[in-house]
Amino acid sequence: MNAENQNEKVKAKPEVLPEPTYWPFFLAMGIAFLGWGLLTTWLISLAGFIVLVISLIGWINILRHE
């Protein structure tokens, strides 16, 4: 009887996935510009930092409302 219970297969329930968004792409782009700016000029670093902060706020805002 115990062996029969162990052999029963249980169907997995589908997980609820978040909606697709572009925020991770912009976050990665901001990090890349930040690193590139460290090698070249502070203006590119500043632009990368601004893109990073805006994309992080946007992504967190979407995740909070799901």
Protein backbone atom coordinates (compact mmCIF):
# COMPACT_ATOMS: atom_id res chain seq x y z
CA MET A 1 0.00 0.00 0.00
CA ASN A 2 2.82 2.39 0.83
CA ALA A 3 4.63 1.48 -2.39
CA GLU A 4 1.52 2.30 -4.41
CA ASN A 5 1.37 5.81 -2.94
CA GLN A 6 4.99 6.44 -3.85
CA ASN A 7 4.46 5.38 -7.48
CA GLU A 8 1.60 7.81 -8.07
CA LYS A 9 2.57 10.64 -10.36
CA VAL A 10 1.58 14.14 -9.44
CA LYS A 11 1.15 16.73 -12.17
CA ALA A 12 3.10 19.90 -11.58
CA LYS A 13 1.12 23.09 -11.46
CA PRO A 14 2.27 25.76 -13.94
CA GLU A 15 4.04 28.69 -12.35
CA VAL A 16 2.85 32.21 -12.92
CA LEU A 17 5.58 34.06 -14.80
CA PRO A 18 5.94 37.84 -14.85
CA GLU A 19 5.11 39.70 -18.03
CA PRO A 20 8.04 40.28 -20.43
CA THR A 21 9.70 43.68 -20.10
CA TYR A 22 12.60 45.64 -21.56
CA TRP A 23 13.88 46.89 -18.19
CA PRO A 24 16.55 44.17 -17.77
CA PHE A 25 18.01 45.12 -21.15
CA PHE A 26 18.25 48.79 -20.18
CA LEU A 27 19.73 47.84 -16.80
CA ALA A 28 22.46 45.85 -18.57
CA MET A 29 23.02 48.73 -20.99
CA GLY A 30 23.39 51.15 -18.08
CA ILE A 31 25.96 48.89 -16.42
CA ALA A 32 27.86 48.58 -19.70
CA PHE A 33 27.89 52.36 -20.21
CA LEU A 34 28.96 52.87 -16.61
CA GLY A 35 31.92 50.53 -17.10
CA TRP A 36 32.76 52.03 -20.48
CA GLY A 37 32.68 55.48 -18.95
CA LEU A 38 35.15 54.44 -16.26
CA LEU A 39 37.61 53.71 -19.07
CA THR A 40 36.90 56.84 -21.12
CA THR A 41 35.12 59.88 -19.72
CA TRP A 42 32.83 60.75 -16.83
CA LEU A 43 30.02 61.87 -19.18
CA ILE A 44 29.47 58.32 -20.40
CA SER A 45 29.59 57.11 -16.80
CA LEU A 46 26.99 59.69 -15.86
CA ALA A 47 24.71 58.62 -18.73
CA GLY A 48 25.17 54.97 -17.74
CA PHE A 49 24.37 55.73 -14.12
CA ILE A 50 21.21 57.62 -15.09
CA VAL A 51 20.04 54.77 -17.37
CA LEU A 52 20.86 52.25 -14.62
CA VAL A 53 18.86 54.10 -11.96
CA ILE A 54 15.84 54.72 -14.22
CA SER A 55 15.73 51.11 -15.41
CA LEU A 56 16.13 49.75 -11.89
CA ILE A 57 13.25 51.92 -10.65
CA GLY A 58 11.09 50.91 -13.62
CA TRP A 59 11.78 47.19 -13.21
CA ILE A 60 11.16 47.23 -9.45
CA ASN A 61 7.96 49.23 -9.99
CA ILE A 62 6.63 46.60 -12.42
CA LEU A 63 7.51 43.75 -10.06
CA ARG A 64 5.84 45.47 -7.10
CA HIS A 65 2.53 45.76 -8.98
CA GLU A 66 2.35 42.12 -10.11
